[in-house]
């Protein structure tokens, strides 16, 4: 009996169940027949819709008294420790207690697992791979911090042939995982509260690749200097790995050329494959997330089919072109350049971008899809450490919007800045970027009501909790026009 099958019918409790990764895990466990309840703060999060669709109940308190008496395992978000009353009760009761990364690590040791890592683009690549594997007939489990747009409940059956894991570099969590192959979407300095500079970030990804088993594979992009450094290092330190490179750079084994953006669909070639391929994801970086996913999917399927493969067999097999064609219908992931609705002539978009590079990519994508609309960004900076480390880059990225509105910094559970710091730093960023600063949500809602006009594009952007802000802005504008 497998690890997941052994959990069927048992009672699990998830602390921090509204977190993006935790909510996905909760839903996947339920699909395996596990009884799941949990807890979190009273604040409303977008993940609540996913939990409700899976008929999962939760408590908005961390009191140990609400934990089920027959609970056999507790999984907690990495934001919580033994200081949490429920985690403490689980330890006292001698039940199995895992943090989310620890549970995923345990899962990776019981199923053949493949990781999607990278500073940016992990979730989009995971969603793309999830989408394109569905018609292949393989049985798999996917765990990543969002879901496919328009799909609260996954449409595909769940299985245990292998798992696809979003492998996050923060606090070196991905080094806990036992992976049989990996896609690295990007390598760039982020999480300055953990990685002090680019070199430390790169070293973490090198350690990830050092852990891969002998003769496994790595899929790597070529379009940044740090990624090319990583590829060169693999050649010296892990010559046993099959490395597949992709991107626009001339060194790419699979080179993206003839990219043409469109309002509904973009097209490109991937040399040396024949013909053109298509994607609904506008901008080259988002397109390449899908390309990387298709390459990883091909590697997984060929490995399952024959046990091993090389670059030539990958290029010769029709499976890669088939997966790229299947990817043309991938709608994108929830919260990633996601069009929510249109009201009174304004299109509202939700986006997770919280790093300067991500902001640039998201705005480039929106400019392709909505070239005639004025772009108004409502940005929720995420963590004081990130804002301070990349302050000038944030100013440059936000200047790409026609108008920006800045909120106080979301300090999150990392506690790297108090409310006074968040307020002052948010004000400084707004001033430097020529943006409007709105401390209170009520001021934000009324200010956007006056600022927005028919034909505009309003983007609520950031890794903090932006759920419902767009709807409240639209409701205010509607009430003002009546």
Protein backbone atom coordinates (compact mmCIF):
# COMPACT_ATOMS: atom_id res chain seq x y z
CA UNK A 1 0.00 0.00 0.00
CA UNK A 2 1.34 3.44 -0.93
CA UNK A 3 1.85 6.32 1.47
CA UNK A 4 -1.16 8.25 0.14
CA UNK A 5 -3.40 5.18 -0.05
CA UNK A 6 -2.55 4.44 3.57
CA UNK A 7 -4.03 7.84 4.53
CA UNK A 8 -7.45 7.01 3.07
CA UNK A 9 -10.22 7.35 5.65
CA UNK A 10 -7.92 8.95 8.21
CA UNK A 11 -8.36 12.38 9.78
CA UNK A 12 -5.76 15.06 8.95
CA UNK A 13 -5.64 18.61 10.28
CA UNK A 14 -3.98 21.43 8.30
CA UNK A 15 -2.83 24.57 10.13
CA UNK A 16 -2.76 27.55 7.76
CA UNK A 17 -5.08 25.77 5.34
CA UNK A 18 -5.83 28.93 3.31
CA UNK A 19 -2.24 29.23 2.12
CA UNK A 20 -1.82 28.61 -1.59
CA UNK A 21 0.21 25.41 -1.31
CA UNK A 22 -1.71 24.20 1.73
CA UNK A 23 -5.11 24.65 0.05
CA UNK A 24 -3.94 22.67 -2.99
CA UNK A 25 -2.60 19.92 -0.74
CA UNK A 26 -5.87 19.79 1.20
CA UNK A 27 -7.89 19.36 -2.00
CA UNK A 28 -5.59 16.68 -3.40
CA UNK A 29 -5.71 14.72 -0.13
CA UNK A 30 -9.52 14.82 -0.22
CA UNK A 31 -9.41 13.45 -3.77
CA UNK A 32 -7.45 10.49 -2.37
CA UNK A 33 -10.19 9.83 0.18
CA UNK A 34 -8.54 11.50 3.17
CA UNK A 35 -10.68 13.35 5.74
CA UNK A 36 -9.34 16.90 5.98
CA UNK A 37 -10.16 19.83 8.24
CA UNK A 38 -7.99 22.76 9.21
CA UNK A 39 -7.59 26.25 10.58
CA UNK A 40 -6.50 29.73 9.57
CA UNK A 41 -7.01 33.42 10.28
CA UNK A 42 -10.47 35.02 9.79
CA UNK A 43 -9.26 37.11 6.84
CA UNK A 44 -10.91 36.14 3.54
CA UNK A 45 -8.56 34.60 0.95
CA UNK A 46 -9.09 33.58 -2.67
CA UNK A 47 -8.30 29.95 -1.79
CA UNK A 48 -11.54 29.70 0.18
CA UNK A 49 -13.44 29.09 -3.08
CA UNK A 50 -11.20 26.10 -3.82
CA UNK A 51 -11.66 24.67 -0.32
CA UNK A 52 -15.43 25.10 -0.48
CA UNK A 53 -15.57 23.41 -3.89
CA UNK A 54 -13.82 20.41 -2.30
CA UNK A 55 -16.30 20.45 0.65
CA UNK A 56 -13.51 21.12 3.14
CA UNK A 57 -14.41 22.86 6.38
CA UNK A 58 -12.02 24.89 8.51
CA UNK A 59 -11.94 26.87 11.76
CA UNK A 60 -10.93 30.51 11.93
CA UNK A 61 -9.12 30.08 15.21
CA UNK A 62 -5.88 28.44 16.30
CA UNK A 63 -7.38 27.10 19.51
CA UNK A 64 -6.31 23.51 20.10
CA UNK A 65 -9.84 22.69 21.26
CA UNK A 66 -11.21 22.60 17.70
CA UNK A 67 -8.87 19.82 16.56
CA UNK A 68 -10.67 16.51 15.90
CA UNK A 69 -10.11 13.92 18.62
CA UNK A 70 -9.31 11.25 16.03
CA UNK A 71 -6.69 13.35 14.21
CA UNK A 72 -3.77 11.13 13.17
CA UNK A 73 -1.60 13.68 11.35
CA UNK A 74 -1.09 17.45 11.44
CA UNK A 75 0.44 19.43 8.58
CA UNK A 76 1.25 23.09 9.16
CA UNK A 77 2.26 25.94 6.91
CA UNK A 78 5.93 26.85 7.17
CA UNK A 79 4.75 30.16 8.63
CA UNK A 80 3.77 28.38 11.87
CA UNK A 81 5.92 26.67 14.49
CA UNK A 82 5.48 24.76 17.73
CA UNK A 83 4.45 28.09 19.30
CA UNK A 84 1.10 27.64 17.54
CA UNK A 85 -1.36 26.00 20.00
CA UNK A 86 -2.55 23.43 17.46
CA UNK A 87 0.95 22.44 16.38
CA UNK A 88 1.90 22.21 20.05
CA UNK A 89 -1.11 19.97 20.76
CA UNK A 90 -0.19 17.69 17.87
CA UNK A 91 3.33 17.28 19.25
CA UNK A 92 2.00 16.65 22.78
CA UNK A 93 -0.45 14.03 21.48
CA UNK A 94 2.43 12.29 19.65
CA UNK A 95 0.68 12.30 16.30
CA UNK A 96 2.64 12.75 13.07
CA UNK A 97 3.46 16.46 12.62
CA UNK A 98 4.89 17.79 9.35
CA UNK A 99 5.51 21.26 8.02
CA UNK A 100 4.26 21.65 4.46
CA UNK A 101 7.80 21.30 2.98
CA UNK A 102 8.45 18.27 5.19
CA UNK A 103 5.25 16.57 4.07
CA UNK A 104 6.03 17.21 0.40
CA UNK A 105 9.55 15.90 0.99
CA UNK A 106 8.12 12.71 2.51
CA UNK A 107 5.79 12.38 -0.45
CA UNK A 108 8.72 12.77 -2.86
CA UNK A 109 10.45 9.82 -1.19
CA UNK A 110 7.43 7.56 -1.67
CA UNK A 111 6.53 8.47 -5.28
CA UNK A 112 8.80 9.11 -8.27
CA UNK A 113 8.77 12.91 -8.24
CA UNK A 114 9.76 15.65 -10.66
CA UNK A 115 10.25 19.25 -9.62
CA UNK A 116 9.61 22.61 -11.22
CA UNK A 117 11.95 25.13 -9.63
CA UNK A 118 12.96 28.68 -10.49
CA UNK A 119 12.75 32.19 -9.10
CA UNK A 120 9.83 33.05 -11.40
CA UNK A 121 7.36 31.08 -13.50
CA UNK A 122 7.10 27.94 -11.34
CA UNK A 123 3.33 27.99 -10.90
CA UNK A 124 2.60 28.78 -14.55
CA UNK A 125 4.90 25.98 -15.68
CA UNK A 126 3.30 23.57 -13.18
CA UNK A 127 -0.18 24.47 -14.38
CA UNK A 128 0.89 24.10 -18.00
CA UNK A 129 2.39 20.66 -17.34
CA UNK A 130 -0.71 19.62 -15.40
CA UNK A 131 -2.85 20.68 -18.38
CA UNK A 132 -0.85 18.94 -21.11
CA UNK A 133 -0.44 15.62 -19.28
CA UNK A 134 -4.17 15.07 -18.89
CA UNK A 135 -4.76 13.48 -22.29
CA UNK A 136 -1.69 11.24 -22.14
CA UNK A 137 -3.34 8.60 -19.94
CA UNK A 138 -0.68 8.72 -17.25
CA UNK A 139 -1.63 8.67 -13.57
CA UNK A 140 -0.04 11.43 -11.51
CA UNK A 141 -0.37 13.82 -8.58
CA UNK A 142 0.36 17.54 -8.95
CA UNK A 143 1.06 19.99 -6.12
CA UNK A 144 1.52 23.69 -6.85
CA UNK A 145 0.39 26.95 -5.32
CA UNK A 146 -2.58 27.78 -7.53
CA UNK A 147 -5.02 26.12 -9.92
CA UNK A 148 -5.90 26.35 -13.59
CA UNK A 149 -8.11 29.32 -14.48
CA UNK A 150 -11.81 28.47 -14.46
CA UNK A 151 -11.27 25.16 -12.68
CA UNK A 152 -11.85 25.04 -8.92
CA UNK A 153 -12.08 21.24 -9.03
CA UNK A 154 -9.46 19.50 -11.23
CA UNK A 155 -10.98 17.74 -14.22
CA UNK A 156 -8.42 14.93 -14.46
CA UNK A 157 -8.24 11.75 -12.36
CA UNK A 158 -5.59 11.62 -9.67
CA UNK A 159 -2.98 8.87 -9.45
CA UNK A 160 0.34 7.71 -8.08
CA UNK A 161 2.55 6.83 -11.05
CA UNK A 162 4.55 9.96 -10.25
CA UNK A 163 4.18 13.43 -8.77
CA UNK A 164 4.80 16.93 -10.13
CA UNK A 165 5.97 19.29 -7.39
CA UNK A 166 6.42 23.04 -7.32
CA UNK A 167 9.88 23.21 -5.75
CA UNK A 168 10.37 26.55 -3.99
CA UNK A 169 13.85 27.86 -3.28
CA UNK A 170 12.80 29.99 -0.29
CA UNK A 171 14.72 28.87 2.81
CA UNK A 172 16.16 26.11 0.60
CA UNK A 173 12.92 24.15 0.98
CA UNK A 174 13.43 22.39 -2.35
CA UNK A 175 16.60 20.79 -1.02
CA UNK A 176 14.37 18.61 1.17
CA UNK A 177 12.81 16.94 -1.88
CA UNK A 178 13.90 13.70 -3.52
CA UNK A 179 13.54 14.50 -7.23
CA UNK A 180 14.15 12.32 -10.28
CA UNK A 181 14.42 15.26 -12.67
CA UNK A 182 13.90 19.01 -12.61
CA UNK A 183 12.92 22.02 -14.69
CA UNK A 184 14.53 25.30 -13.63
CA UNK A 185 12.45 28.11 -15.16
CA UNK A 186 14.61 31.07 -14.07
CA UNK A 187 17.49 31.89 -11.76
CA UNK A 188 17.47 35.40 -10.32
CA UNK A 189 18.08 36.95 -6.93
CA UNK A 190 14.96 37.04 -4.76
CA UNK A 191 14.05 36.42 -1.10
CA UNK A 192 16.73 38.79 0.21
CA UNK A 193 15.72 37.88 3.75
CA UNK A 194 17.24 34.45 3.00
CA UNK A 195 19.62 34.88 0.02
CA UNK A 196 21.94 37.85 0.47
CA UNK A 197 22.93 38.10 -3.21
CA UNK A 198 22.86 36.47 -6.67
CA UNK A 199 25.76 34.15 -5.88
CA UNK A 200 24.05 32.69 -2.83
CA UNK A 201 20.89 32.17 -4.88
CA UNK A 202 22.84 30.39 -7.62
CA UNK A 203 24.58 28.16 -5.07
CA UNK A 204 21.20 26.97 -3.80
CA UNK A 205 20.16 25.88 -7.30
CA UNK A 206 23.51 24.15 -7.76
CA UNK A 207 22.89 22.15 -4.57
CA UNK A 208 19.48 21.16 -5.91
CA UNK A 209 21.08 19.75 -9.08
CA UNK A 210 23.84 18.03 -7.10
CA UNK A 211 21.13 16.03 -5.32
CA UNK A 212 19.65 14.60 -8.53
CA UNK A 213 20.30 10.86 -8.93
CA UNK A 214 22.89 9.61 -11.40
CA UNK A 215 21.86 9.84 -15.08
CA UNK A 216 18.70 11.84 -14.40
CA UNK A 217 17.88 15.04 -16.28
CA UNK A 218 17.64 18.81 -15.97
CA UNK A 219 15.72 21.19 -18.23
CA UNK A 220 17.21 24.70 -18.17
CA UNK A 221 16.55 28.00 -19.97
CA UNK A 222 19.34 29.99 -21.59
CA UNK A 223 18.06 33.56 -21.62
CA UNK A 224 19.75 34.91 -18.51
CA UNK A 225 23.41 35.00 -17.52
CA UNK A 226 22.72 33.19 -14.23
CA UNK A 227 20.91 30.37 -16.04
CA UNK A 228 23.80 30.01 -18.48
CA UNK A 229 26.23 29.92 -15.56
CA UNK A 230 24.17 27.10 -14.08
CA UNK A 231 24.20 25.17 -17.38
CA UNK A 232 27.97 25.57 -17.70
CA UNK A 233 28.45 24.40 -14.11
CA UNK A 234 26.34 21.27 -14.77
CA UNK A 235 28.68 20.36 -17.62
CA UNK A 236 31.66 20.35 -15.27
CA UNK A 237 30.11 19.06 -12.04
CA UNK A 238 27.30 16.74 -13.26
CA UNK A 239 28.29 15.46 -16.72
CA UNK A 240 26.11 12.39 -16.10
CA UNK A 241 22.92 14.49 -16.30
CA UNK A 242 20.99 14.78 -19.53
CA UNK A 243 20.62 18.55 -19.93
CA UNK A 244 18.03 20.02 -22.28
CA UNK A 245 18.31 23.77 -22.85
CA UNK A 246 15.71 26.09 -24.36
CA UNK A 247 15.14 29.80 -24.97
CA UNK A 248 15.99 32.54 -27.44
CA UNK A 249 19.74 32.45 -26.83
CA UNK A 250 21.83 31.02 -29.65
CA UNK A 251 23.18 28.27 -27.37
CA UNK A 252 19.71 26.73 -26.90
CA UNK A 253 19.15 23.13 -28.00
CA UNK A 254 15.52 24.12 -28.55
CA UNK A 255 15.48 27.72 -29.72
CA UNK A 256 12.41 29.95 -29.70
CA UNK A 257 12.19 32.02 -32.89
CA UNK A 258 9.61 33.97 -34.89
CA UNK A 259 7.55 34.85 -31.84
CA UNK A 260 4.48 36.89 -32.82
CA UNK A 261 2.19 38.29 -30.14
CA UNK A 262 -1.55 38.46 -30.63
CA UNK A 263 -4.68 39.68 -28.88
CA UNK A 264 -6.06 36.16 -28.37
CA UNK A 265 -3.14 33.90 -29.26
CA UNK A 266 0.58 34.14 -29.93
CA UNK A 267 2.67 31.96 -32.23
CA UNK A 268 6.29 30.86 -32.34
CA UNK A 269 8.70 28.32 -33.76
CA UNK A 270 10.88 26.04 -31.67
CA UNK A 271 13.86 25.05 -33.77
CA UNK A 272 14.78 22.38 -34.81
CA UNK A 273 11.14 21.23 -34.62
CA UNK A 274 9.04 21.86 -37.71
CA UNK A 275 6.09 24.18 -37.93
CA UNK A 276 4.60 26.84 -35.69
CA UNK A 277 3.16 26.43 -32.23
CA UNK A 278 0.65 28.59 -30.39
CA UNK A 279 -0.08 29.83 -26.87
CA UNK A 280 -2.73 31.88 -25.11
CA UNK A 281 -0.06 33.26 -22.76
CA UNK A 282 1.17 36.59 -24.10
CA UNK A 283 4.84 37.66 -23.83
CA UNK A 284 7.93 35.57 -24.49
CA UNK A 285 8.75 34.72 -20.82
CA UNK A 286 5.26 33.28 -20.23
CA UNK A 287 5.44 31.45 -23.55
CA UNK A 288 8.75 29.93 -22.46
CA UNK A 289 7.20 28.70 -19.21
CA UNK A 290 4.90 26.58 -21.36
CA UNK A 291 7.78 25.43 -23.55
CA UNK A 292 9.77 24.35 -20.48
CA UNK A 293 6.73 22.47 -19.17
CA UNK A 294 6.30 20.61 -22.47
CA UNK A 295 9.99 19.64 -22.51
CA UNK A 296 9.79 18.40 -18.91
CA UNK A 297 6.62 16.45 -19.72
CA UNK A 298 8.34 14.83 -22.69
CA UNK A 299 11.31 13.85 -20.52
CA UNK A 300 9.02 12.29 -17.91
CA UNK A 301 7.01 10.32 -20.48
CA UNK A 302 10.09 9.07 -22.34
CA UNK A 303 11.70 8.05 -19.07
CA UNK A 304 8.55 6.18 -18.02
CA UNK A 305 8.43 4.53 -21.45
CA UNK A 306 12.03 3.39 -21.80
CA UNK A 307 13.74 4.05 -18.48
CA UNK A 308 16.24 6.43 -20.03
CA UNK A 309 16.64 8.77 -22.98
CA UNK A 310 19.01 11.25 -24.56
CA UNK A 311 18.62 14.59 -26.28
CA UNK A 312 18.46 13.07 -29.75
CA UNK A 313 15.65 10.70 -28.82
CA UNK A 314 13.77 13.62 -27.26
CA UNK A 315 14.09 15.64 -30.48
CA UNK A 316 13.14 12.66 -32.66
CA UNK A 317 10.09 11.54 -30.69
CA UNK A 318 6.74 13.14 -31.70
CA UNK A 319 5.65 13.48 -28.08
CA UNK A 320 7.28 16.91 -27.62
CA UNK A 321 5.45 18.46 -30.58
CA UNK A 322 2.21 16.85 -29.38
CA UNK A 323 2.57 18.36 -25.90
CA UNK A 324 3.43 21.78 -27.35
CA UNK A 325 0.27 21.60 -29.47
CA UNK A 326 -1.79 20.58 -26.44
CA UNK A 327 -0.38 23.57 -24.57
CA UNK A 328 -2.03 25.94 -27.07
CA UNK A 329 -5.31 25.59 -25.16
CA UNK A 330 -3.84 26.14 -21.68
CA UNK A 331 -5.75 29.15 -20.26
CA UNK A 332 -3.21 30.06 -17.56
CA UNK A 333 -3.22 29.79 -13.78
CA UNK A 334 -5.53 31.56 -11.37
CA UNK A 335 -4.05 34.82 -10.15
CA UNK A 336 -1.42 34.92 -12.89
CA UNK A 337 -2.37 37.70 -15.33
CA UNK A 338 -5.96 36.52 -14.82
CA UNK A 339 -8.78 38.59 -16.33
CA UNK A 340 -11.49 38.65 -13.65
CA UNK A 341 -14.35 40.60 -15.25
CA UNK A 342 -15.32 43.81 -17.02
CA UNK A 343 -17.59 46.44 -15.45
CA UNK A 344 -18.53 49.92 -16.66
CA UNK A 345 -15.95 49.65 -19.43
CA UNK A 346 -13.04 48.76 -17.10
CA UNK A 347 -11.32 45.38 -17.37
CA UNK A 348 -10.12 44.03 -13.99
CA UNK A 349 -7.08 41.74 -13.79
CA UNK A 350 -5.53 39.86 -10.86
CA UNK A 351 -1.79 39.13 -10.87
CA UNK A 352 0.66 37.61 -8.40
CA UNK A 353 3.73 39.57 -9.55
CA UNK A 354 5.74 40.77 -6.54
CA UNK A 355 9.29 41.02 -7.92
CA UNK A 356 10.39 43.75 -10.37
CA UNK A 357 11.09 41.23 -13.11
CA UNK A 358 7.66 39.65 -12.65
CA UNK A 359 5.98 43.07 -12.84
CA UNK A 360 7.77 43.77 -16.11
CA UNK A 361 6.69 40.43 -17.60
CA UNK A 362 3.09 40.80 -16.48
CA UNK A 363 2.77 44.32 -17.85
CA UNK A 364 4.36 43.26 -21.15
CA UNK A 365 1.82 40.45 -21.38
CA UNK A 366 -1.08 42.80 -20.71
CA UNK A 367 0.21 45.33 -23.26
CA UNK A 368 0.10 42.55 -25.87
CA UNK A 369 -3.44 41.53 -25.01
CA UNK A 370 -4.87 45.01 -24.40
CA UNK A 371 -2.72 47.39 -26.48
CA UNK A 372 -5.25 50.25 -26.50
CA UNK A 373 -6.12 50.33 -22.81
CA UNK A 374 -4.60 52.57 -20.16
CA UNK A 375 -3.00 50.34 -17.51
CA UNK A 376 -3.65 51.26 -13.87
CA UNK A 377 -1.74 49.08 -11.39
CA UNK A 378 -2.72 48.72 -7.73
CA UNK A 379 0.44 47.25 -6.25
CA UNK A 380 0.67 45.52 -2.88
CA UNK A 381 4.42 45.26 -2.10
CA UNK A 382 5.36 41.99 -0.41
CA UNK A 383 7.87 42.09 2.47
CA UNK A 384 9.99 45.01 3.53
CA UNK A 385 13.23 43.15 2.80
CA UNK A 386 12.32 42.62 -0.85
CA UNK A 387 11.13 46.20 -1.27
CA UNK A 388 14.34 47.62 0.19
CA UNK A 389 16.65 45.26 -1.71
CA UNK A 390 15.09 45.98 -5.12
CA UNK A 391 13.79 49.48 -4.49
CA UNK A 392 15.19 51.08 -7.67
CA UNK A 393 14.12 48.10 -9.78
CA UNK A 394 10.57 48.39 -8.41
CA UNK A 395 10.50 52.08 -9.37
CA UNK A 396 11.57 51.22 -12.92
CA UNK A 397 9.09 48.34 -13.26
CA UNK A 398 6.13 50.30 -11.92
CA UNK A 399 6.90 53.15 -14.31
CA UNK A 400 5.79 50.82 -17.11
CA UNK A 401 2.20 51.28 -15.96
CA UNK A 402 0.30 54.37 -17.05
CA UNK A 403 -0.70 54.97 -13.43
CA UNK A 404 0.31 53.18 -10.23
CA UNK A 405 -1.28 53.11 -6.80
CA UNK A 406 0.82 51.73 -3.93
CA UNK A 407 -0.46 50.09 -0.77
CA UNK A 408 1.48 49.61 2.51
CA UNK A 409 3.81 46.64 2.37
CA UNK A 410 2.37 43.22 3.16
CA UNK A 411 4.77 41.99 5.84
CA UNK A 412 3.32 38.43 5.83
CA UNK A 413 4.24 35.79 8.38
CA UNK A 414 7.95 36.37 7.77
CA UNK A 415 7.94 39.30 10.22
CA UNK A 416 10.67 41.20 8.38
CA UNK A 417 9.13 44.61 9.01
CA UNK A 418 6.61 46.13 11.42
CA UNK A 419 3.58 48.20 10.43
CA UNK A 420 5.43 51.52 10.80
CA UNK A 421 8.20 50.32 8.52
CA UNK A 422 5.66 48.99 6.01
CA UNK A 423 3.86 52.32 5.94
CA UNK A 424 6.98 54.47 5.58
CA UNK A 425 8.60 52.26 2.93
CA UNK A 426 5.38 52.10 0.94
CA UNK A 427 5.21 55.89 0.98
CA UNK A 428 8.83 56.15 -0.20
CA UNK A 429 8.19 53.73 -3.06
CA UNK A 430 5.09 55.64 -4.15
CA UNK A 431 6.93 58.95 -4.09
CA UNK A 432 9.90 57.60 -6.07
CA UNK A 433 7.63 55.93 -8.63
CA UNK A 434 5.35 58.95 -9.02
CA UNK A 435 2.48 56.86 -7.72
CA UNK A 436 -0.46 57.48 -5.43
CA UNK A 437 -0.07 56.02 -1.92
CA UNK A 438 -3.22 54.71 -0.22
CA UNK A 439 -2.83 53.46 3.32
CA UNK A 440 -6.46 52.59 4.10
CA UNK A 441 -8.50 50.32 1.84
CA UNK A 442 -11.48 52.70 2.00
CA UNK A 443 -9.28 55.47 0.57
CA UNK A 444 -8.01 53.09 -2.10
CA UNK A 445 -11.53 52.13 -3.19
CA UNK A 446 -12.77 55.71 -3.42
CA UNK A 447 -9.58 56.94 -5.12
CA UNK A 448 -9.77 54.23 -7.79
CA UNK A 449 -13.42 55.06 -8.33
CA UNK A 450 -12.39 58.56 -9.40
CA UNK A 451 -9.20 57.53 -11.20
CA UNK A 452 -10.60 54.81 -13.47
CA UNK A 453 -12.41 55.54 -16.71
CA UNK A 454 -14.08 53.38 -19.38
CA UNK A 455 -11.41 51.77 -21.52
CA UNK A 456 -8.96 51.33 -18.62
CA UNK A 457 -7.32 48.15 -17.38
CA UNK A 458 -7.15 47.86 -13.59
CA UNK A 459 -4.57 45.38 -12.29
CA UNK A 460 -4.50 44.36 -8.62
CA UNK A 461 -0.97 43.03 -8.24
CA UNK A 462 1.15 41.48 -5.50
CA UNK A 463 1.73 38.37 -3.40
CA UNK A 464 -0.24 39.69 -0.43
CA UNK A 465 -3.95 39.08 -0.02
CA UNK A 466 -5.62 41.13 -2.78
CA UNK A 467 -8.77 38.99 -2.87
CA UNK A 468 -11.96 40.92 -3.51
CA UNK A 469 -10.31 44.33 -4.03
CA UNK A 470 -11.25 44.49 -7.72
CA UNK A 471 -14.88 43.67 -6.98
CA UNK A 472 -15.03 46.32 -4.25
CA UNK A 473 -13.58 48.93 -6.62
CA UNK A 474 -16.10 48.00 -9.32
CA UNK A 475 -18.98 48.08 -6.82
CA UNK A 476 -17.95 51.56 -5.66
CA UNK A 477 -17.76 52.85 -9.23
CA UNK A 478 -21.19 51.34 -9.96
CA UNK A 479 -22.75 52.96 -6.89
CA UNK A 480 -21.17 56.31 -7.76
CA UNK A 481 -22.59 56.23 -11.27
CA UNK A 482 -26.15 55.48 -10.15
